[in-house]
C-alpha atoms as a PDB file:
ATOM      1  CA  MET A   1     -26.503 -39.697  81.545  1.00  0.00           C
ATOM      2  CA  ARG A   2     -30.170 -39.479  82.404  1.00  0.00           C
ATOM      3  CA  PRO A   3     -31.736 -36.025  82.542  1.00  0.00           C
ATOM      4  CA  SER A   4     -32.500 -34.715  86.002  1.00  0.00           C
ATOM      5  CA  PHE A   5     -36.077 -33.544  86.465  1.00  0.00           C
ATOM      6  CA  LEU A   6     -35.056 -31.018  89.077  1.00  0.00           C
ATOM      7  CA  LEU A   7     -32.205 -29.529  87.060  1.00  0.00           C
ATOM      8  CA  VAL A   8     -34.381 -29.251  83.967  1.00  0.00           C
ATOM      9  CA  ALA A   9     -37.233 -27.838  86.030  1.00  0.00           C
ATOM     10  CA  PHE A  10     -35.172 -25.067  87.539  1.00  0.00           C
ATOM     11  CA  ALA A  11     -33.483 -24.232  84.254  1.00  0.00           C
ATOM     12  CA  ALA A  12     -37.010 -23.520  83.026  1.00  0.00           C
ATOM     13  CA  VAL A  13     -37.497 -20.859  85.703  1.00  0.00           C
ATOM     14  CA  LEU A  14     -35.502 -18.492  83.519  1.00  0.00           C
ATOM     15  CA  VAL A  15     -37.599 -19.038  80.406  1.00  0.00           C
ATOM     16  CA  ALA A  16     -41.079 -20.101  81.482  1.00  0.00           C
ATOM     17  CA  VAL A  17     -43.855 -17.746  82.451  1.00  0.00           C
ATOM     18  CA  PRO A  18     -46.166 -19.281  85.074  1.00  0.00           C
ATOM     19  CA  ALA A  19     -49.501 -20.226  83.542  1.00  0.00           C
ATOM     20  CA  PHE A  20     -52.092 -19.972  86.283  1.00  0.00           C
ATOM     21  CA  GLY A  21     -55.754 -19.963  85.594  1.00  0.00           C
ATOM     22  CA  GLN A  22     -58.825 -21.862  84.641  1.00  0.00           C
ATOM     23  CA  SER A  23     -58.478 -24.330  81.830  1.00  0.00           C
ATOM     24  CA  GLU A  24     -61.083 -26.329  80.008  1.00  0.00           C
ATOM     25  CA  PRO A  25     -63.012 -28.541  82.423  1.00  0.00           C
ATOM     26  CA  SER A  26     -61.302 -31.614  83.768  1.00  0.00           C
ATOM     27  CA  ARG A  27     -62.441 -34.922  82.297  1.00  0.00           C
ATOM     28  CA  LEU A  28     -62.154 -36.622  85.690  1.00  0.00           C
ATOM     29  CA  ALA A  29     -63.372 -34.018  88.199  1.00  0.00           C
ATOM     30  CA  GLY A  30     -66.465 -35.270  89.948  1.00  0.00           C
ATOM     31  CA  THR A  31     -66.152 -38.775  88.532  1.00  0.00           C
ATOM     32  CA  LEU A  32     -63.551 -40.028  91.016  1.00  0.00           C
ATOM     33  CA  PRO A  33     -63.320 -39.619  94.810  1.00  0.00           C
ATOM     34  CA  SER A  34     -61.666 -36.369  95.892  1.00  0.00           C
ATOM     35  CA  LYS A  35     -61.072 -35.197  92.317  1.00  0.00           C
ATOM     36  CA  ARG A  36     -62.563 -31.713  92.418  1.00  0.00           C
ATOM     37  CA  ASP A  37     -61.715 -28.974  89.949  1.00  0.00           C
ATOM     38  CA  THR A  38     -60.973 -26.099  92.313  1.00  0.00           C
ATOM     39  CA  GLY A  39     -60.329 -23.555  89.562  1.00  0.00           C
ATOM     40  CA  HIS A  40     -56.647 -23.418  90.572  1.00  0.00           C
ATOM     41  CA  SER A  41     -54.914 -25.338  87.808  1.00  0.00           C
ATOM     42  CA  ILE A  42     -51.629 -25.417  85.964  1.00  0.00           C
ATOM     43  CA  VAL A  43     -52.289 -25.002  82.243  1.00  0.00           C
ATOM     44  CA  LEU A  44     -49.445 -25.778  79.832  1.00  0.00           C
ATOM     45  CA  ASP A  45     -49.279 -26.783  76.173  1.00  0.00           C
ATOM     46  CA  VAL A  46     -46.416 -28.009  74.034  1.00  0.00           C
ATOM     47  CA  ASP A  47     -45.960 -29.381  70.526  1.00  0.00           C
ATOM     48  CA  VAL A  48     -43.519 -32.261  70.199  1.00  0.00           C
ATOM     49  CA  ALA A  49     -42.081 -33.953  67.122  1.00  0.00           C
ATOM     50  CA  CYS A  50     -43.120 -37.504  67.925  1.00  0.00           C
ATOM     51  CA  ALA A  51     -46.333 -39.382  67.209  1.00  0.00           C
ATOM     52  CA  PRO A  52     -49.123 -39.486  69.819  1.00  0.00           C
ATOM     53  CA  ALA A  53     -48.363 -43.130  70.654  1.00  0.00           C
ATOM     54  CA  ARG A  54     -44.738 -42.255  71.442  1.00  0.00           C
ATOM     55  CA  ALA A  55     -45.682 -39.113  73.398  1.00  0.00           C
ATOM     56  CA  TYR A  56     -48.147 -41.171  75.432  1.00  0.00           C
ATOM     57  CA  ALA A  57     -45.533 -43.873  76.118  1.00  0.00           C
ATOM     58  CA  LEU A  58     -43.113 -41.296  77.485  1.00  0.00           C
ATOM     59  CA  TRP A  59     -45.511 -40.626  80.370  1.00  0.00           C
ATOM     60  CA  SER A  60     -47.061 -44.058  80.808  1.00  0.00           C
ATOM     61  CA  THR A  61     -44.014 -46.349  80.972  1.00  0.00           C
ATOM     62  CA  THR A  62     -41.039 -46.565  83.287  1.00  0.00           C
ATOM     63  CA  ALA A  63     -38.616 -46.455  80.339  1.00  0.00           C
ATOM     64  CA  GLY A  64     -40.368 -43.388  78.959  1.00  0.00           C
ATOM     65  CA  VAL A  65     -40.254 -41.540  82.280  1.00  0.00           C
ATOM     66  CA  ARG A  66     -36.562 -42.363  82.685  1.00  0.00           C
ATOM     67  CA  SER A  67     -35.808 -40.870  79.270  1.00  0.00           C
ATOM     68  CA  PHE A  68     -36.880 -37.312  80.103  1.00  0.00           C
ATOM     69  CA  PHE A  69     -38.479 -36.933  83.514  1.00  0.00           C
ATOM     70  CA  ALA A  70     -36.834 -38.733  86.457  1.00  0.00           C
ATOM     71  CA  PRO A  71     -34.123 -41.307  87.169  1.00  0.00           C
ATOM     72  CA  ASP A  72     -36.578 -44.005  88.181  1.00  0.00           C
ATOM     73  CA  ALA A  73     -40.274 -44.841  88.364  1.00  0.00           C
ATOM     74  CA  GLU A  74     -42.807 -47.564  89.037  1.00  0.00           C
ATOM     75  CA  ILE A  75     -45.832 -47.265  86.766  1.00  0.00           C
ATOM     76  CA  GLY A  76     -48.737 -49.676  86.676  1.00  0.00           C
ATOM     77  CA  GLY A  77     -52.041 -49.895  84.871  1.00  0.00           C
ATOM     78  CA  VAL A  78     -55.188 -48.006  85.840  1.00  0.00           C
ATOM     79  CA  GLY A  79     -55.464 -48.127  89.631  1.00  0.00           C
ATOM     80  CA  GLY A  80     -51.794 -49.125  89.896  1.00  0.00           C
ATOM     81  CA  PRO A  81     -48.901 -46.982  91.086  1.00  0.00           C
ATOM     82  CA  TYR A  82     -47.636 -43.815  89.500  1.00  0.00           C
ATOM     83  CA  THR A  83     -44.504 -43.560  91.606  1.00  0.00           C
ATOM     84  CA  ILE A  84     -41.848 -41.174  90.341  1.00  0.00           C
ATOM     85  CA  ILE A  85     -38.493 -41.409  92.114  1.00  0.00           C
ATOM     86  CA  PHE A  86     -36.392 -38.268  91.849  1.00  0.00           C
ATOM     87  CA  PHE A  87     -33.561 -39.163  94.242  1.00  0.00           C
ATOM     88  CA  PRO A  88     -33.102 -42.950  94.027  1.00  0.00           C
ATOM     89  CA  GLN A  89     -29.963 -43.043  96.161  1.00  0.00           C
ATOM     90  CA  ASP A  90     -31.429 -40.988  99.025  1.00  0.00           C
ATOM     91  CA  ASP A  91     -35.089 -41.914  98.645  1.00  0.00           C
ATOM     92  CA  PRO A  92     -35.351 -45.196  96.694  1.00  0.00           C
ATOM     93  CA  ARG A  93     -39.106 -45.613  97.198  1.00  0.00           C
ATOM     94  CA  GLY A  94     -40.107 -42.021  96.449  1.00  0.00           C
ATOM     95  CA  LEU A  95     -41.368 -41.634  99.994  1.00  0.00           C
ATOM     96  CA  THR A  96     -40.198 -38.105 100.850  1.00  0.00           C
ATOM     97  CA  HIS A  97     -39.326 -36.586  97.472  1.00  0.00           C
ATOM     98  CA  GLY A  98     -41.298 -38.723  95.062  1.00  0.00           C
ATOM     99  CA  THR A  99     -44.880 -39.682  94.439  1.00  0.00           C
ATOM    100  CA  LEU A 100     -45.255 -42.888  96.455  1.00  0.00           C
ATOM    101  CA  GLY A 101     -49.008 -43.310  96.967  1.00  0.00           C
ATOM    102  CA  ALA A 102     -50.052 -41.773  93.639  1.00  0.00           C
ATOM    103  CA  HIS A 103     -52.058 -43.889  91.175  1.00  0.00           C
ATOM    104  CA  VAL A 104     -52.824 -44.033  87.480  1.00  0.00           C
ATOM    105  CA  LEU A 105     -56.383 -42.760  87.041  1.00  0.00           C
ATOM    106  CA  ARG A 106     -57.157 -43.192  83.340  1.00  0.00           C
ATOM    107  CA  ALA A 107     -55.324 -44.573  80.326  1.00  0.00           C
ATOM    108  CA  GLU A 108     -56.467 -44.225  76.721  1.00  0.00           C
ATOM    109  CA  PRO A 109     -53.387 -45.203  74.706  1.00  0.00           C
ATOM    110  CA  GLY A 110     -52.193 -42.488  72.368  1.00  0.00           C
ATOM    111  CA  ARG A 111     -54.960 -40.091  73.422  1.00  0.00           C
ATOM    112  CA  PHE A 112     -55.350 -39.427  77.164  1.00  0.00           C
ATOM    113  CA  TYR A 113     -53.476 -40.219  80.362  1.00  0.00           C
ATOM    114  CA  ALA A 114     -54.160 -39.152  83.944  1.00  0.00           C
ATOM    115  CA  PHE A 115     -52.424 -39.762  87.254  1.00  0.00           C
ATOM    116  CA  GLU A 116     -52.428 -38.460  90.828  1.00  0.00           C
ATOM    117  CA  TRP A 117     -49.621 -36.266  92.082  1.00  0.00           C
ATOM    118  CA  VAL A 118     -47.959 -35.395  95.415  1.00  0.00           C
ATOM    119  CA  VAL A 119     -47.407 -31.626  95.568  1.00  0.00           C
ATOM    120  CA  PHE A 120     -45.225 -31.249  98.690  1.00  0.00           C
ATOM    121  CA  ALA A 121     -41.842 -32.537  99.839  1.00  0.00           C
ATOM    122  CA  GLY A 122     -41.602 -34.738 102.923  1.00  0.00           C
ATOM    123  CA  ASP A 123     -38.571 -32.955 104.356  1.00  0.00           C
ATOM    124  CA  ARG A 124     -36.541 -29.815 103.761  1.00  0.00           C
ATOM    125  CA  LEU A 125     -33.257 -31.549 102.948  1.00  0.00           C
ATOM    126  CA  LYS A 126     -33.278 -30.712  99.212  1.00  0.00           C
ATOM    127  CA  GLY A 127     -34.010 -27.017  99.693  1.00  0.00           C
ATOM    128  CA  ASP A 128     -35.004 -25.233  96.499  1.00  0.00           C
ATOM    129  CA  ASN A 129     -34.441 -28.450  94.520  1.00  0.00           C
ATOM    130  CA  ALA A 130     -37.755 -29.792  95.800  1.00  0.00           C
ATOM    131  CA  PRO A 131     -41.321 -28.539  96.153  1.00  0.00           C
ATOM    132  CA  PRO A 132     -42.335 -26.735  99.338  1.00  0.00           C
ATOM    133  CA  TYR A 133     -42.329 -28.858 102.485  1.00  0.00           C
ATOM    134  CA  ALA A 134     -45.534 -29.969 104.218  1.00  0.00           C
ATOM    135  CA  ASP A 135     -46.158 -32.434 107.012  1.00  0.00           C
ATOM    136  CA  GLU A 136     -47.443 -35.886 106.135  1.00  0.00           C
ATOM    137  CA  THR A 137     -51.153 -35.162 106.684  1.00  0.00           C
ATOM    138  CA  LEU A 138     -51.108 -32.406 104.078  1.00  0.00           C
ATOM    139  CA  ARG A 139     -48.507 -34.045 101.851  1.00  0.00           C
ATOM    140  CA  ARG A 140     -50.199 -37.371 101.294  1.00  0.00           C
ATOM    141  CA  PRO A 141     -53.895 -37.472 102.202  1.00  0.00           C
ATOM    142  CA  ASP A 142     -55.763 -40.531 100.981  1.00  0.00           C
ATOM    143  CA  PRO A 143     -56.871 -40.182  98.247  1.00  0.00           C
ATOM    144  CA  LEU A 144     -54.597 -37.527  96.814  1.00  0.00           C
ATOM    145  CA  PRO A 145     -56.512 -34.383  95.786  1.00  0.00           C
ATOM    146  CA  THR A 146     -54.352 -33.204  92.868  1.00  0.00           C
ATOM    147  CA  TRP A 147     -53.956 -34.939  89.560  1.00  0.00           C
ATOM    148  CA  VAL A 148     -52.559 -34.463  86.069  1.00  0.00           C
ATOM    149  CA  GLU A 149     -54.444 -34.933  82.793  1.00  0.00           C
ATOM    150  CA  LEU A 150     -52.595 -35.167  79.483  1.00  0.00           C
ATOM    151  CA  ASN A 151     -54.367 -34.968  76.133  1.00  0.00           C
ATOM    152  CA  PHE A 152     -52.389 -36.059  73.068  1.00  0.00           C
ATOM    153  CA  THR A 153     -53.627 -34.752  69.705  1.00  0.00           C
ATOM    154  CA  PRO A 154     -51.975 -35.264  66.300  1.00  0.00           C
ATOM    155  CA  SER A 155     -50.554 -31.948  65.122  1.00  0.00           C
ATOM    156  CA  GLY A 156     -48.554 -31.417  61.945  1.00  0.00           C
ATOM    157  CA  SER A 157     -45.608 -33.803  62.062  1.00  0.00           C
ATOM    158  CA  GLY A 158     -46.016 -34.558  65.747  1.00  0.00           C
ATOM    159  CA  THR A 159     -48.305 -34.198  68.744  1.00  0.00           C
ATOM    160  CA  HIS A 160     -49.935 -31.370  70.630  1.00  0.00           C
ATOM    161  CA  VAL A 161     -49.751 -32.129  74.357  1.00  0.00           C
ATOM    162  CA  ALA A 162     -52.285 -30.353  76.552  1.00  0.00           C
ATOM    163  CA  PHE A 163     -51.018 -30.636  80.120  1.00  0.00           C
ATOM    164  CA  ARG A 164     -53.329 -29.778  83.029  1.00  0.00           C
ATOM    165  CA  HIS A 165     -52.635 -30.181  86.747  1.00  0.00           C
ATOM    166  CA  TYR A 166     -55.853 -29.843  88.730  1.00  0.00           C
ATOM    167  CA  GLY A 167     -56.876 -29.733  92.375  1.00  0.00           C
ATOM    168  CA  PHE A 168     -54.763 -27.052  94.055  1.00  0.00           C
ATOM    169  CA  THR A 169     -56.578 -25.074  96.719  1.00  0.00           C
ATOM    170  CA  ASP A 170     -56.346 -21.367  97.506  1.00  0.00           C
ATOM    171  CA  ASP A 171     -54.241 -21.482 100.661  1.00  0.00           C
ATOM    172  CA  VAL A 172     -50.661 -20.339 101.192  1.00  0.00           C
ATOM    173  CA  ALA A 173     -49.096 -23.818 100.985  1.00  0.00           C
ATOM    174  CA  ASN A 174     -50.974 -24.829  97.836  1.00  0.00           C
ATOM    175  CA  ARG A 175     -50.276 -21.504  96.121  1.00  0.00           C
ATOM    176  CA  ALA A 176     -46.548 -21.964  96.774  1.00  0.00           C
ATOM    177  CA  SER A 177     -46.674 -25.511  95.445  1.00  0.00           C
ATOM    178  CA  GLN A 178     -48.657 -24.467  92.367  1.00  0.00           C
ATOM    179  CA  ALA A 179     -46.069 -21.794  91.561  1.00  0.00           C
ATOM    180  CA  TRP A 180     -43.206 -24.279  92.023  1.00  0.00           C
ATOM    181  CA  PHE A 181     -44.818 -26.930  89.854  1.00  0.00           C
ATOM    182  CA  THR A 182     -45.758 -24.463  87.139  1.00  0.00           C
ATOM    183  CA  ARG A 183     -42.052 -23.820  86.651  1.00  0.00           C
ATOM    184  CA  ALA A 184     -41.105 -27.478  87.136  1.00  0.00           C
ATOM    185  CA  TRP A 185     -43.691 -28.873  84.714  1.00  0.00           C
ATOM    186  CA  SER A 186     -42.576 -26.327  82.106  1.00  0.00           C
ATOM    187  CA  GLY A 187     -39.097 -27.808  82.382  1.00  0.00           C
ATOM    188  CA  VAL A 188     -40.398 -31.361  82.176  1.00  0.00           C
ATOM    189  CA  LEU A 189     -42.333 -30.568  79.003  1.00  0.00           C
ATOM    190  CA  GLU A 190     -39.215 -29.012  77.476  1.00  0.00           C
ATOM    191  CA  GLY A 191     -37.381 -32.244  78.343  1.00  0.00           C
ATOM    192  CA  MET A 192     -40.111 -34.188  76.563  1.00  0.00           C
ATOM    193  CA  ARG A 193     -39.780 -31.944  73.524  1.00  0.00           C
ATOM    194  CA  ALA A 194     -36.011 -32.567  73.449  1.00  0.00           C
ATOM    195  CA  VAL A 195     -36.456 -36.347  73.631  1.00  0.00           C
ATOM    196  CA  CYS A 196     -38.947 -36.153  70.770  1.00  0.00           C
ATOM    197  CA  GLY A 197     -36.445 -34.228  68.646  1.00  0.00           C
ATOM    198  CA  GLY A 198     -37.850 -30.706  68.821  1.00  0.00           C
ATOM    199  CA  GLY A 199     -41.265 -29.144  68.538  1.00  0.00           C
ATOM    200  CA  GLY A 200     -43.743 -28.390  65.817  1.00  0.00           C
END
């Protein structure tokens, strides 16, 4: 049975402390359209017991994503899709509860990976099992303003993963989404650690 991102994410609510704040500067802010480091970022770190190449592949391939993150995905090369599909039966394209419209921004195998992210749900049908709702103009502007950067560094017998989600703004809707995703991403990273066989 594939792990459910949403179940893992909400299990993490009980154990994860939200990590708001300013992280080290984004590698991509200012170099790509609409990618602006607003100072409102999610900052998480985890050590996993797999090599950097394997840790990188978990995020950058459909098979990897399916192993710990979501039931389905469509992932291309740089400039291609980064579509995560959380409810394939109800939303097979990731239109209302996935990341349809997000793109891969940078790929340095085994070292660095970055992709855009959709931070709101397209309807309220999933309740607390989905991010806060926002209408389509706020949910999916073009280009998307928030993005994730992952740095993979060899560490002991595994990899240190520095996870940063940039681009949230300081309004009520974005603050709610940032809080939701801080908990959710904590759960996703714990799922990654489990797939890698523990942490270092």
